[in-house]
Amino acid sequence: MLRRLTLSAAAVSATVVALTSTLTATSAAASAVAAPTPVRAVASTGATPTATLRLVNGSYFRTAAAVTTPPVVNARAWAVADMDTGRVIAAHSRHEELPQASTIKLLTAVVAAETVAASPTHKVTYAEAHPQYCTCAGLTVGARYTREALMAGMLLPSGNDAAEALAGSHPQGRAAFIAAMNAKAKALGAKHTVVVTPNGLTATGAHSSAHDLLVFLRAAQANPVVQRVLTMASYNLGPVGGTTHTVYRRTDYVNKYPTAQGKSGYTTPAKNTLVVNTPISGHHIGVATLGAPGGYSTSGARALTLWAAKNFAALQAFGGLPVVPATPAG
């Protein structure tokens, strides 16, 4: 009888050990599950290991410090960047491919500066002077215009006729110009842009993204030919040797905040589009918005600009704009 009791005690002892091991393992597993899960993060440039990618009011941003709440933005996509360094510091669907309307004219201007002679011999055709939809600069059929005059007519009043005339001024013609625009977009690292028209009017297959629009604005500002026109509020437009008329800048954001530079656009499918670079608080804040309803493009871009400037020191990069290549002589 004593031996049977001894064996039972040994069995109990083994059972206790096994239960203890099981409880220890279960406790460790519970601790692992209960550990706080970091906010989703992605690889970035310049972010510290403790920074997390956050999503508030539709804006993604990376920070390891407290920041004020980002504004509510009424648009389909947007991106905010430090235009001096190329750091993307806030965004919503920044790579989504959407119709961009006349904001593509920044790329048109860059390509024209590189491929069209300053004093071209091209005569404006009837088709160029009367595009599909005429938000026009008022070109004269059969007349010649300087490259600067056409560029001003395109970027200030957003003349679709001037954009078409610039494309037609390419030495190999309009199709070669559009091919050059697509090649330039690729060279700049704009991976979500396809150009079909030089003026940005609705066309099958044409699109861009908030990220790419910031790339185009950076390239435009880095090109002295285009940069000169971006500083203008008005221009006396006329053909070589002919009479002139004054055209005015129609980008509301820049008219309201004249130290900024950029371009707006509108078509029914695209809604309101905008890309601007604003010097503020010692920084240059770039904002691009796509698909904003009427009345929300300027206000949304301004709210994002002010928020980025206020929280600039705390906001860290979670993406970047490609380096702008050196501008060819032109």
C-alpha atoms as a PDB file:
ATOM      1  CA  MET A   1       0.000   0.000   0.000  1.00  0.00           C
ATOM      2  CA  LEU A   2       2.850   2.400   0.803  1.00  0.00           C
ATOM      3  CA  ARG A   3       4.425   1.832  -2.601  1.00  0.00           C
ATOM      4  CA  ARG A   4       1.145   2.683  -4.370  1.00  0.00           C
ATOM      5  CA  LEU A   5       0.910   5.990  -2.441  1.00  0.00           C
ATOM      6  CA  THR A   6       4.498   6.857  -3.368  1.00  0.00           C
ATOM      7  CA  LEU A   7       3.789   6.295  -7.026  1.00  0.00           C
ATOM      8  CA  SER A   8       0.690   8.441  -6.817  1.00  0.00           C
ATOM      9  CA  ALA A   9       2.699  11.295  -5.284  1.00  0.00           C
ATOM     10  CA  ALA A  10       5.251  11.053  -8.101  1.00  0.00           C
ATOM     11  CA  ALA A  11       2.474  11.188 -10.645  1.00  0.00           C
ATOM     12  CA  VAL A  12       0.978  14.222  -8.952  1.00  0.00           C
ATOM     13  CA  SER A  13       4.381  15.886  -8.935  1.00  0.00           C
ATOM     14  CA  ALA A  14       4.854  15.283 -12.669  1.00  0.00           C
ATOM     15  CA  THR A  15       1.385  16.625 -13.356  1.00  0.00           C
ATOM     16  CA  VAL A  16       2.139  19.807 -11.387  1.00  0.00           C
ATOM     17  CA  VAL A  17       5.346  20.335 -13.351  1.00  0.00           C
ATOM     18  CA  ALA A  18       3.519  19.847 -16.632  1.00  0.00           C
ATOM     19  CA  LEU A  19       0.745  22.246 -15.614  1.00  0.00           C
ATOM     20  CA  THR A  20       3.289  24.830 -14.498  1.00  0.00           C
ATOM     21  CA  SER A  21       5.068  24.638 -17.867  1.00  0.00           C
ATOM     22  CA  THR A  22       1.771  24.976 -19.691  1.00  0.00           C
ATOM     23  CA  LEU A  23       0.727  27.989 -17.624  1.00  0.00           C
ATOM     24  CA  THR A  24       4.106  29.648 -18.181  1.00  0.00           C
ATOM     25  CA  ALA A  25       3.870  29.156 -21.954  1.00  0.00           C
ATOM     26  CA  THR A  26       0.275  30.401 -21.966  1.00  0.00           C
ATOM     27  CA  SER A  27       1.248  33.487 -19.961  1.00  0.00           C
ATOM     28  CA  ALA A  28       4.073  34.265 -22.373  1.00  0.00           C
ATOM     29  CA  ALA A  29       1.738  33.899 -25.342  1.00  0.00           C
ATOM     30  CA  ALA A  30      -0.829  36.160 -23.688  1.00  0.00           C
ATOM     31  CA  SER A  31       1.835  38.762 -23.048  1.00  0.00           C
ATOM     32  CA  ALA A  32       2.853  38.644 -26.705  1.00  0.00           C
ATOM     33  CA  VAL A  33      -0.754  39.188 -27.808  1.00  0.00           C
ATOM     34  CA  ALA A  34      -1.302  41.974 -25.302  1.00  0.00           C
ATOM     35  CA  ALA A  35       1.840  43.878 -26.386  1.00  0.00           C
ATOM     36  CA  PRO A  36       0.958  47.169 -28.134  1.00  0.00           C
ATOM     37  CA  THR A  37       1.010  46.943 -31.947  1.00  0.00           C
ATOM     38  CA  PRO A  38       2.806  49.863 -33.636  1.00  0.00           C
ATOM     39  CA  VAL A  39       0.861  51.972 -36.138  1.00  0.00           C
ATOM     40  CA  ARG A  40       1.448  50.722 -39.668  1.00  0.00           C
ATOM     41  CA  ALA A  41       4.732  52.051 -40.984  1.00  0.00           C
ATOM     42  CA  VAL A  42       6.486  51.959 -44.328  1.00  0.00           C
ATOM     43  CA  ALA A  43      10.052  52.457 -45.454  1.00  0.00           C
ATOM     44  CA  SER A  44      10.914  56.132 -45.805  1.00  0.00           C
ATOM     45  CA  THR A  45      13.639  58.668 -46.212  1.00  0.00           C
ATOM     46  CA  GLY A  46      14.755  60.493 -43.083  1.00  0.00           C
ATOM     47  CA  ALA A  47      12.387  58.830 -40.604  1.00  0.00           C
ATOM     48  CA  THR A  48      13.596  57.757 -37.187  1.00  0.00           C
ATOM     49  CA  PRO A  49      12.896  54.210 -35.918  1.00  0.00           C
ATOM     50  CA  THR A  50      10.311  55.518 -33.434  1.00  0.00           C
ATOM     51  CA  ALA A  51       8.256  57.447 -36.004  1.00  0.00           C
ATOM     52  CA  THR A  52       4.946  55.940 -37.023  1.00  0.00           C
ATOM     53  CA  LEU A  53       2.769  56.437 -40.048  1.00  0.00           C
ATOM     54  CA  ARG A  54      -0.572  57.858 -38.958  1.00  0.00           C
ATOM     55  CA  LEU A  55      -3.894  58.404 -40.685  1.00  0.00           C
ATOM     56  CA  VAL A  56      -6.015  61.328 -39.504  1.00  0.00           C
ATOM     57  CA  ASN A  57      -8.790  63.049 -41.488  1.00  0.00           C
ATOM     58  CA  GLY A  58      -7.732  61.167 -44.599  1.00  0.00           C
ATOM     59  CA  SER A  59      -4.100  62.352 -44.489  1.00  0.00           C
ATOM     60  CA  TYR A  60      -1.242  59.939 -43.975  1.00  0.00           C
ATOM     61  CA  PHE A  61       1.773  61.455 -42.251  1.00  0.00           C
ATOM     62  CA  ARG A  62       4.758  60.211 -40.275  1.00  0.00           C
ATOM     63  CA  THR A  63       5.748  61.690 -36.926  1.00  0.00           C
ATOM     64  CA  ALA A  64       7.262  60.709 -33.602  1.00  0.00           C
ATOM     65  CA  ALA A  65       6.019  63.888 -31.918  1.00  0.00           C
ATOM     66  CA  ALA A  66       2.670  65.520 -31.288  1.00  0.00           C
ATOM     67  CA  VAL A  67       1.194  67.506 -34.174  1.00  0.00           C
ATOM     68  CA  THR A  68      -2.029  69.421 -34.628  1.00  0.00           C
ATOM     69  CA  THR A  69      -4.888  67.631 -36.362  1.00  0.00           C
ATOM     70  CA  PRO A  70      -4.606  67.859 -40.161  1.00  0.00           C
ATOM     71  CA  PRO A  71      -7.462  69.597 -41.950  1.00  0.00           C
ATOM     72  CA  VAL A  72     -10.387  67.853 -43.559  1.00  0.00           C
ATOM     73  CA  VAL A  73      -9.797  68.112 -47.312  1.00  0.00           C
ATOM     74  CA  ASN A  74     -12.583  67.797 -49.860  1.00  0.00           C
ATOM     75  CA  ALA A  75     -10.729  66.180 -52.773  1.00  0.00           C
ATOM     76  CA  ARG A  76     -10.088  62.753 -54.261  1.00  0.00           C
ATOM     77  CA  ALA A  77      -6.327  62.853 -53.763  1.00  0.00           C
ATOM     78  CA  TRP A  78      -3.631  65.159 -52.431  1.00  0.00           C
ATOM     79  CA  ALA A  79       0.043  65.311 -51.599  1.00  0.00           C
ATOM     80  CA  VAL A  80       2.134  67.701 -49.488  1.00  0.00           C
ATOM     81  CA  ALA A  81       5.902  68.016 -49.870  1.00  0.00           C
ATOM     82  CA  ASP A  82       8.893  69.994 -48.719  1.00  0.00           C
ATOM     83  CA  MET A  83       9.829  71.353 -52.124  1.00  0.00           C
ATOM     84  CA  ASP A  84      13.375  72.210 -51.017  1.00  0.00           C
ATOM     85  CA  THR A  85      14.285  68.620 -50.181  1.00  0.00           C
ATOM     86  CA  GLY A  86      11.589  66.644 -51.993  1.00  0.00           C
ATOM     87  CA  ARG A  87      10.299  65.021 -48.781  1.00  0.00           C
ATOM     88  CA  VAL A  88       6.658  63.946 -49.030  1.00  0.00           C
ATOM     89  CA  ILE A  89       5.238  64.771 -45.605  1.00  0.00           C
ATOM     90  CA  ALA A  90       1.491  64.152 -46.006  1.00  0.00           C
ATOM     91  CA  ALA A  91      -0.740  62.549 -48.594  1.00  0.00           C
ATOM     92  CA  HIS A  92      -3.965  60.842 -49.493  1.00  0.00           C
ATOM     93  CA  SER A  93      -4.002  58.534 -52.547  1.00  0.00           C
ATOM     94  CA  ARG A  94      -0.993  60.399 -53.887  1.00  0.00           C
ATOM     95  CA  HIS A  95      -0.291  57.842 -56.629  1.00  0.00           C
ATOM     96  CA  GLU A  96      -3.905  57.360 -57.739  1.00  0.00           C
ATOM     97  CA  GLU A  97      -4.221  57.939 -61.486  1.00  0.00           C
ATOM     98  CA  LEU A  98      -6.829  60.632 -62.065  1.00  0.00           C
ATOM     99  CA  PRO A  99      -7.706  63.231 -64.721  1.00  0.00           C
ATOM    100  CA  GLN A 100      -5.552  66.278 -64.035  1.00  0.00           C
ATOM    101  CA  ALA A 101      -6.991  68.905 -66.433  1.00  0.00           C
ATOM    102  CA  SER A 102      -4.816  71.961 -67.139  1.00  0.00           C
ATOM    103  CA  THR A 103      -2.231  71.282 -64.447  1.00  0.00           C
ATOM    104  CA  ILE A 104      -0.476  69.145 -67.110  1.00  0.00           C
ATOM    105  CA  LYS A 105       0.416  72.426 -68.823  1.00  0.00           C
ATOM    106  CA  LEU A 106       3.358  72.696 -66.434  1.00  0.00           C
ATOM    107  CA  LEU A 107       4.849  69.659 -68.173  1.00  0.00           C
ATOM    108  CA  THR A 108       3.886  71.163 -71.537  1.00  0.00           C
ATOM    109  CA  ALA A 109       5.851  74.281 -70.598  1.00  0.00           C
ATOM    110  CA  VAL A 110       8.917  72.300 -69.502  1.00  0.00           C
ATOM    111  CA  VAL A 111       8.985  70.319 -72.762  1.00  0.00           C
ATOM    112  CA  ALA A 112       8.408  73.465 -74.831  1.00  0.00           C
ATOM    113  CA  ALA A 113      11.324  75.171 -73.097  1.00  0.00           C
ATOM    114  CA  GLU A 114      13.531  72.249 -74.105  1.00  0.00           C
ATOM    115  CA  THR A 115      12.269  71.519 -77.633  1.00  0.00           C
ATOM    116  CA  VAL A 116      10.742  74.677 -79.139  1.00  0.00           C
ATOM    117  CA  ALA A 117      12.886  77.513 -80.451  1.00  0.00           C
ATOM    118  CA  ALA A 118      12.591  80.846 -78.671  1.00  0.00           C
ATOM    119  CA  SER A 119      11.497  82.416 -81.979  1.00  0.00           C
ATOM    120  CA  PRO A 120       9.756  79.584 -83.853  1.00  0.00           C
ATOM    121  CA  THR A 121       8.759  79.810 -87.485  1.00  0.00           C
ATOM    122  CA  HIS A 122       5.510  77.928 -86.908  1.00  0.00           C
ATOM    123  CA  LYS A 123       2.296  79.651 -87.962  1.00  0.00           C
ATOM    124  CA  VAL A 124      -0.782  79.072 -85.811  1.00  0.00           C
ATOM    125  CA  THR A 125      -3.254  76.778 -87.551  1.00  0.00           C
ATOM    126  CA  TYR A 126      -7.035  76.992 -87.457  1.00  0.00           C
ATOM    127  CA  ALA A 127      -7.225  73.780 -85.418  1.00  0.00           C
ATOM    128  CA  GLU A 128      -4.752  75.137 -82.854  1.00  0.00           C
ATOM    129  CA  ALA A 129      -6.637  78.396 -82.490  1.00  0.00           C
ATOM    130  CA  HIS A 130      -9.950  76.542 -82.119  1.00  0.00           C
ATOM    131  CA  PRO A 131      -9.341  73.559 -79.811  1.00  0.00           C
ATOM    132  CA  GLN A 132     -11.944  71.073 -78.584  1.00  0.00           C
ATOM    133  CA  TYR A 133     -12.855  73.368 -75.695  1.00  0.00           C
ATOM    134  CA  CYS A 134     -11.782  76.981 -75.784  1.00  0.00           C
ATOM    135  CA  THR A 135     -10.492  78.463 -72.626  1.00  0.00           C
ATOM    136  CA  CYS A 136      -8.302  80.442 -74.965  1.00  0.00           C
ATOM    137  CA  ALA A 137      -5.594  83.079 -75.038  1.00  0.00           C
ATOM    138  CA  GLY A 138      -6.903  84.534 -78.305  1.00  0.00           C
ATOM    139  CA  LEU A 139      -4.347  83.498 -80.910  1.00  0.00           C
ATOM    140  CA  THR A 140      -4.585  84.670 -84.516  1.00  0.00           C
ATOM    141  CA  VAL A 141      -4.662  82.045 -87.242  1.00  0.00           C
ATOM    142  CA  GLY A 142      -1.636  82.291 -89.554  1.00  0.00           C
ATOM    143  CA  ALA A 143       0.396  84.424 -87.134  1.00  0.00           C
ATOM    144  CA  ARG A 144       3.736  83.602 -85.520  1.00  0.00           C
ATOM    145  CA  TYR A 145       4.301  83.903 -81.771  1.00  0.00           C
ATOM    146  CA  THR A 146       7.421  83.703 -79.670  1.00  0.00           C
ATOM    147  CA  ARG A 147       7.812  80.776 -77.335  1.00  0.00           C
ATOM    148  CA  GLU A 148       7.426  83.067 -74.321  1.00  0.00           C
ATOM    149  CA  ALA A 149       4.212  84.563 -75.700  1.00  0.00           C
ATOM    150  CA  LEU A 150       2.706  81.120 -76.235  1.00  0.00           C
ATOM    151  CA  MET A 151       3.889  79.950 -72.827  1.00  0.00           C
ATOM    152  CA  ALA A 152       2.365  82.998 -71.132  1.00  0.00           C
ATOM    153  CA  GLY A 153      -0.857  82.493 -73.075  1.00  0.00           C
ATOM    154  CA  MET A 154      -0.949  78.891 -71.851  1.00  0.00           C
ATOM    155  CA  LEU A 155       0.038  79.291 -68.198  1.00  0.00           C
ATOM    156  CA  LEU A 156      -1.667  82.572 -67.269  1.00  0.00           C
ATOM    157  CA  PRO A 157      -5.208  82.399 -68.747  1.00  0.00           C
ATOM    158  CA  SER A 158      -4.775  78.620 -69.273  1.00  0.00           C
ATOM    159  CA  GLY A 159      -5.120  78.985 -73.031  1.00  0.00           C
ATOM    160  CA  ASN A 160      -5.757  75.648 -74.703  1.00  0.00           C
ATOM    161  CA  ASP A 161      -5.001  77.292 -78.045  1.00  0.00           C
ATOM    162  CA  ALA A 162      -1.559  78.359 -76.824  1.00  0.00           C
ATOM    163  CA  ALA A 163      -0.828  74.832 -75.584  1.00  0.00           C
ATOM    164  CA  GLU A 164      -1.747  73.420 -78.988  1.00  0.00           C
ATOM    165  CA  ALA A 165       0.373  76.039 -80.761  1.00  0.00           C
ATOM    166  CA  LEU A 166       3.380  75.167 -78.591  1.00  0.00           C
ATOM    167  CA  ALA A 167       2.939  71.508 -79.488  1.00  0.00           C
ATOM    168  CA  GLY A 168       2.636  72.426 -83.155  1.00  0.00           C
ATOM    169  CA  SER A 169       5.854  74.458 -82.901  1.00  0.00           C
ATOM    170  CA  HIS A 170       7.907  71.322 -82.210  1.00  0.00           C
ATOM    171  CA  PRO A 171      10.323  70.728 -85.128  1.00  0.00           C
ATOM    172  CA  GLN A 172       8.673  67.335 -85.817  1.00  0.00           C
ATOM    173  CA  GLY A 173       5.139  68.466 -85.066  1.00  0.00           C
ATOM    174  CA  ARG A 174       2.411  67.812 -82.488  1.00  0.00           C
ATOM    175  CA  ALA A 175       2.727  64.039 -82.234  1.00  0.00           C
ATOM    176  CA  ALA A 176       6.466  64.329 -81.561  1.00  0.00           C
ATOM    177  CA  PHE A 177       5.781  66.935 -78.906  1.00  0.00           C
ATOM    178  CA  ILE A 178       3.328  64.673 -77.074  1.00  0.00           C
ATOM    179  CA  ALA A 179       5.826  61.818 -77.303  1.00  0.00           C
ATOM    180  CA  ALA A 180       8.426  64.143 -75.795  1.00  0.00           C
ATOM    181  CA  MET A 181       6.034  64.981 -72.954  1.00  0.00           C
ATOM    182  CA  ASN A 182       5.595  61.305 -72.093  1.00  0.00           C
ATOM    183  CA  ALA A 183       9.338  60.750 -72.326  1.00  0.00           C
ATOM    184  CA  LYS A 184       9.978  63.739 -70.057  1.00  0.00           C
ATOM    185  CA  ALA A 185       7.446  62.519 -67.505  1.00  0.00           C
ATOM    186  CA  LYS A 186       9.274  59.193 -67.395  1.00  0.00           C
ATOM    187  CA  ALA A 187      12.669  60.889 -67.117  1.00  0.00           C
ATOM    188  CA  LEU A 188      11.408  62.996 -64.201  1.00  0.00           C
ATOM    189  CA  GLY A 189      10.217  59.872 -62.369  1.00  0.00           C
ATOM    190  CA  ALA A 190       6.512  60.615 -62.837  1.00  0.00           C
ATOM    191  CA  LYS A 191       5.332  57.013 -63.068  1.00  0.00           C
ATOM    192  CA  HIS A 192       1.599  57.655 -62.986  1.00  0.00           C
ATOM    193  CA  THR A 193       1.220  60.091 -65.877  1.00  0.00           C
ATOM    194  CA  VAL A 194       0.128  59.480 -69.452  1.00  0.00           C
ATOM    195  CA  VAL A 195      -0.185  62.487 -71.772  1.00  0.00           C
ATOM    196  CA  VAL A 196      -2.607  62.451 -74.700  1.00  0.00           C
ATOM    197  CA  THR A 197      -3.110  66.197 -75.271  1.00  0.00           C
ATOM    198  CA  PRO A 198      -0.803  69.146 -74.505  1.00  0.00           C
ATOM    199  CA  ASN A 199      -3.648  71.133 -72.913  1.00  0.00           C
ATOM    200  CA  GLY A 200      -4.993  68.539 -70.466  1.00  0.00           C
ATOM    201  CA  LEU A 201      -8.481  68.301 -71.918  1.00  0.00           C
ATOM    202  CA  THR A 202     -10.313  65.049 -71.314  1.00  0.00           C
ATOM    203  CA  ALA A 203      -8.946  62.242 -73.471  1.00  0.00           C
ATOM    204  CA  THR A 204      -9.075  58.466 -73.230  1.00  0.00           C
ATOM    205  CA  GLY A 205      -6.057  57.124 -71.361  1.00  0.00           C
ATOM    206  CA  ALA A 206      -4.839  60.503 -70.083  1.00  0.00           C
ATOM    207  CA  HIS A 207      -4.130  60.825 -66.369  1.00  0.00           C
ATOM    208  CA  SER A 208      -1.682  61.950 -63.720  1.00  0.00           C
ATOM    209  CA  SER A 209      -1.402  61.896 -59.906  1.00  0.00           C
ATOM    210  CA  ALA A 210      -0.949  64.318 -57.030  1.00  0.00           C
ATOM    211  CA  HIS A 211       2.618  63.082 -56.586  1.00  0.00           C
ATOM    212  CA  ASP A 212       3.458  63.591 -60.268  1.00  0.00           C
ATOM    213  CA  LEU A 213       2.014  67.108 -60.326  1.00  0.00           C
ATOM    214  CA  LEU A 214       4.456  68.108 -57.581  1.00  0.00           C
ATOM    215  CA  VAL A 215       7.238  66.609 -59.714  1.00  0.00           C
ATOM    216  CA  PHE A 216       6.162  68.730 -62.700  1.00  0.00           C
ATOM    217  CA  LEU A 217       5.947  71.918 -60.645  1.00  0.00           C
ATOM    218  CA  ARG A 218       9.456  71.345 -59.283  1.00  0.00           C
ATOM    219  CA  ALA A 219      10.751  70.827 -62.822  1.00  0.00           C
ATOM    220  CA  ALA A 220       8.937  73.945 -64.050  1.00  0.00           C
ATOM    221  CA  GLN A 221      10.391  76.091 -61.277  1.00  0.00           C
ATOM    222  CA  ALA A 222      13.866  74.700 -61.952  1.00  0.00           C
ATOM    223  CA  ASN A 223      13.657  75.745 -65.613  1.00  0.00           C
ATOM    224  CA  PRO A 224      14.459  79.463 -65.982  1.00  0.00           C
ATOM    225  CA  VAL A 225      12.331  79.846 -69.121  1.00  0.00           C
ATOM    226  CA  VAL A 226       9.233  78.500 -67.382  1.00  0.00           C
ATOM    227  CA  GLN A 227      10.038  80.069 -64.026  1.00  0.00           C
ATOM    228  CA  ARG A 228      10.015  83.531 -65.591  1.00  0.00           C
ATOM    229  CA  VAL A 229       6.438  83.032 -66.796  1.00  0.00           C
ATOM    230  CA  LEU A 230       5.316  81.595 -63.448  1.00  0.00           C
ATOM    231  CA  THR A 231       6.230  84.909 -61.804  1.00  0.00           C
ATOM    232  CA  MET A 232       3.905  86.872 -64.099  1.00  0.00           C
ATOM    233  CA  ALA A 233       0.446  88.102 -63.155  1.00  0.00           C
ATOM    234  CA  SER A 234      -0.321  89.380 -66.672  1.00  0.00           C
ATOM    235  CA  TYR A 235       1.222  89.507 -70.129  1.00  0.00           C
ATOM    236  CA  ASN A 236       0.761  91.616 -73.247  1.00  0.00           C
ATOM    237  CA  LEU A 237       0.150  88.856 -75.770  1.00  0.00           C
ATOM    238  CA  GLY A 238       0.401  89.288 -79.497  1.00  0.00           C
ATOM    239  CA  PRO A 239       1.997  87.858 -82.620  1.00  0.00           C
ATOM    240  CA  VAL A 240       5.440  88.906 -83.819  1.00  0.00           C
ATOM    241  CA  GLY A 241       5.050  92.424 -85.211  1.00  0.00           C
ATOM    242  CA  GLY A 242       1.315  92.536 -84.410  1.00  0.00           C
ATOM    243  CA  THR A 243      -0.979  94.183 -81.902  1.00  0.00           C
ATOM    244  CA  THR A 244      -1.219  92.871 -78.372  1.00  0.00           C
ATOM    245  CA  HIS A 245      -3.894  92.289 -75.767  1.00  0.00           C
ATOM    246  CA  THR A 246      -3.448  91.619 -72.077  1.00  0.00           C
ATOM    247  CA  VAL A 247      -4.015  88.185 -70.612  1.00  0.00           C
ATOM    248  CA  TYR A 248      -4.231  87.625 -66.870  1.00  0.00           C
ATOM    249  CA  ARG A 249      -3.334  84.811 -64.502  1.00  0.00           C
ATOM    250  CA  ARG A 250      -6.377  82.709 -63.588  1.00  0.00           C
ATOM    251  CA  THR A 251      -4.962  80.468 -60.854  1.00  0.00           C
ATOM    252  CA  ASP A 252      -7.009  81.705 -57.899  1.00  0.00           C
ATOM    253  CA  TYR A 253      -4.657  80.374 -55.225  1.00  0.00           C
ATOM    254  CA  VAL A 254      -1.680  82.287 -56.654  1.00  0.00           C
ATOM    255  CA  ASN A 255      -3.751  85.422 -57.156  1.00  0.00           C
ATOM    256  CA  LYS A 256      -4.805  85.243 -53.504  1.00  0.00           C
ATOM    257  CA  TYR A 257      -1.323  84.323 -52.207  1.00  0.00           C
ATOM    258  CA  PRO A 258       0.947  85.986 -54.797  1.00  0.00           C
ATOM    259  CA  THR A 259       4.248  84.742 -53.366  1.00  0.00           C
ATOM    260  CA  ALA A 260       3.153  81.241 -54.401  1.00  0.00           C
ATOM    261  CA  GLN A 261       3.581  79.715 -57.848  1.00  0.00           C
ATOM    262  CA  GLY A 262       1.617  76.995 -59.569  1.00  0.00           C
ATOM    263  CA  LYS A 263      -1.233  76.067 -61.875  1.00  0.00           C
ATOM    264  CA  SER A 264      -4.902  75.192 -61.565  1.00  0.00           C
ATOM    265  CA  GLY A 265      -7.216  73.282 -63.868  1.00  0.00           C
ATOM    266  CA  TYR A 266     -10.792  72.207 -64.380  1.00  0.00           C
ATOM    267  CA  THR A 267     -12.783  69.812 -66.521  1.00  0.00           C
ATOM    268  CA  THR A 268     -16.047  68.099 -65.646  1.00  0.00           C
ATOM    269  CA  PRO A 269     -14.439  64.652 -65.115  1.00  0.00           C
ATOM    270  CA  ALA A 270     -11.390  66.056 -63.302  1.00  0.00           C
ATOM    271  CA  LYS A 271     -13.274  68.630 -61.235  1.00  0.00           C
ATOM    272  CA  ASN A 272     -10.916  71.241 -59.759  1.00  0.00           C
ATOM    273  CA  THR A 273      -7.217  70.451 -59.770  1.00  0.00           C
ATOM    274  CA  LEU A 274      -4.346  72.470 -58.350  1.00  0.00           C
ATOM    275  CA  VAL A 275      -0.621  72.298 -57.696  1.00  0.00           C
ATOM    276  CA  VAL A 276       1.173  75.130 -55.875  1.00  0.00           C
ATOM    277  CA  ASN A 277       4.418  75.897 -54.087  1.00  0.00           C
ATOM    278  CA  THR A 278       4.102  78.413 -51.255  1.00  0.00           C
ATOM    279  CA  PRO A 279       7.011  80.035 -49.401  1.00  0.00           C
ATOM    280  CA  ILE A 280       5.946  80.115 -45.753  1.00  0.00           C
ATOM    281  CA  SER A 281       7.742  80.226 -42.392  1.00  0.00           C
ATOM    282  CA  GLY A 282      11.132  79.786 -44.056  1.00  0.00           C
ATOM    283  CA  HIS A 283      10.034  76.718 -46.037  1.00  0.00           C
ATOM    284  CA  HIS A 284       8.591  75.964 -49.469  1.00  0.00           C
ATOM    285  CA  ILE A 285       5.472  73.848 -49.062  1.00  0.00           C
ATOM    286  CA  GLY A 286       4.157  72.140 -52.176  1.00  0.00           C
ATOM    287  CA  VAL A 287       0.553  70.946 -52.326  1.00  0.00           C
ATOM    288  CA  ALA A 288      -1.270  69.152 -55.127  1.00  0.00           C
ATOM    289  CA  THR A 289      -4.989  68.345 -55.007  1.00  0.00           C
ATOM    290  CA  LEU A 290      -7.106  66.443 -57.523  1.00  0.00           C
ATOM    291  CA  GLY A 291     -10.852  66.058 -57.818  1.00  0.00           C
ATOM    292  CA  ALA A 292     -11.972  68.921 -55.581  1.00  0.00           C
ATOM    293  CA  PRO A 293     -15.545  70.235 -55.903  1.00  0.00           C
ATOM    294  CA  GLY A 294     -16.049  73.875 -56.757  1.00  0.00           C
ATOM    295  CA  GLY A 295     -14.897  76.217 -54.000  1.00  0.00           C
ATOM    296  CA  TYR A 296     -12.692  73.657 -52.242  1.00  0.00           C
ATOM    297  CA  SER A 297      -9.504  73.630 -54.302  1.00  0.00           C
ATOM    298  CA  THR A 298      -7.919  76.843 -53.018  1.00  0.00           C
ATOM    299  CA  SER A 299      -9.200  76.450 -49.453  1.00  0.00           C
ATOM    300  CA  GLY A 300      -8.069  72.827 -49.215  1.00  0.00           C
ATOM    301  CA  ALA A 301      -4.593  73.566 -50.525  1.00  0.00           C
ATOM    302  CA  ARG A 302      -4.229  76.517 -48.184  1.00  0.00           C
ATOM    303  CA  ALA A 303      -5.342  74.523 -45.152  1.00  0.00           C
ATOM    304  CA  LEU A 304      -2.797  71.798 -45.941  1.00  0.00           C
ATOM    305  CA  THR A 305      -0.068  74.409 -46.470  1.00  0.00           C
ATOM    306  CA  LEU A 306      -0.724  76.093 -43.125  1.00  0.00           C
ATOM    307  CA  TRP A 307      -0.885  72.742 -41.301  1.00  0.00           C
ATOM    308  CA  ALA A 308       2.378  71.554 -42.855  1.00  0.00           C
ATOM    309  CA  ALA A 309       4.137  74.823 -42.032  1.00  0.00           C
ATOM    310  CA  LYS A 310       2.931  74.778 -38.408  1.00  0.00           C
ATOM    311  CA  ASN A 311       4.040  71.176 -37.850  1.00  0.00           C
ATOM    312  CA  PHE A 312       7.023  71.197 -40.188  1.00  0.00           C
ATOM    313  CA  ALA A 313       9.651  70.254 -37.584  1.00  0.00           C
ATOM    314  CA  ALA A 314       7.667  67.229 -36.389  1.00  0.00           C
ATOM    315  CA  LEU A 315       6.633  65.857 -39.792  1.00  0.00           C
ATOM    316  CA  GLN A 316       8.975  63.257 -41.211  1.00  0.00           C
ATOM    317  CA  ALA A 317       9.255  61.872 -44.720  1.00  0.00           C
ATOM    318  CA  PHE A 318       7.375  58.767 -45.758  1.00  0.00           C
ATOM    319  CA  GLY A 319       8.206  59.194 -49.433  1.00  0.00           C
ATOM    320  CA  GLY A 320      10.081  61.542 -51.710  1.00  0.00           C
ATOM    321  CA  LEU A 321      10.018  63.400 -55.016  1.00  0.00           C
ATOM    322  CA  PRO A 322      12.723  62.437 -57.518  1.00  0.00           C
ATOM    323  CA  VAL A 323      15.684  64.742 -57.949  1.00  0.00           C
ATOM    324  CA  VAL A 324      15.061  67.243 -60.759  1.00  0.00           C
ATOM    325  CA  PRO A 325      17.573  66.661 -63.579  1.00  0.00           C
ATOM    326  CA  ALA A 326      19.714  69.559 -64.733  1.00  0.00           C
ATOM    327  CA  THR A 327      17.880  71.851 -67.159  1.00  0.00           C
ATOM    328  CA  PRO A 328      19.198  71.623 -70.743  1.00  0.00           C
ATOM    329  CA  ALA A 329      20.171  74.886 -72.378  1.00  0.00           C
ATOM    330  CA  GLY A 330      17.246  76.270 -74.322  1.00  0.00           C
END
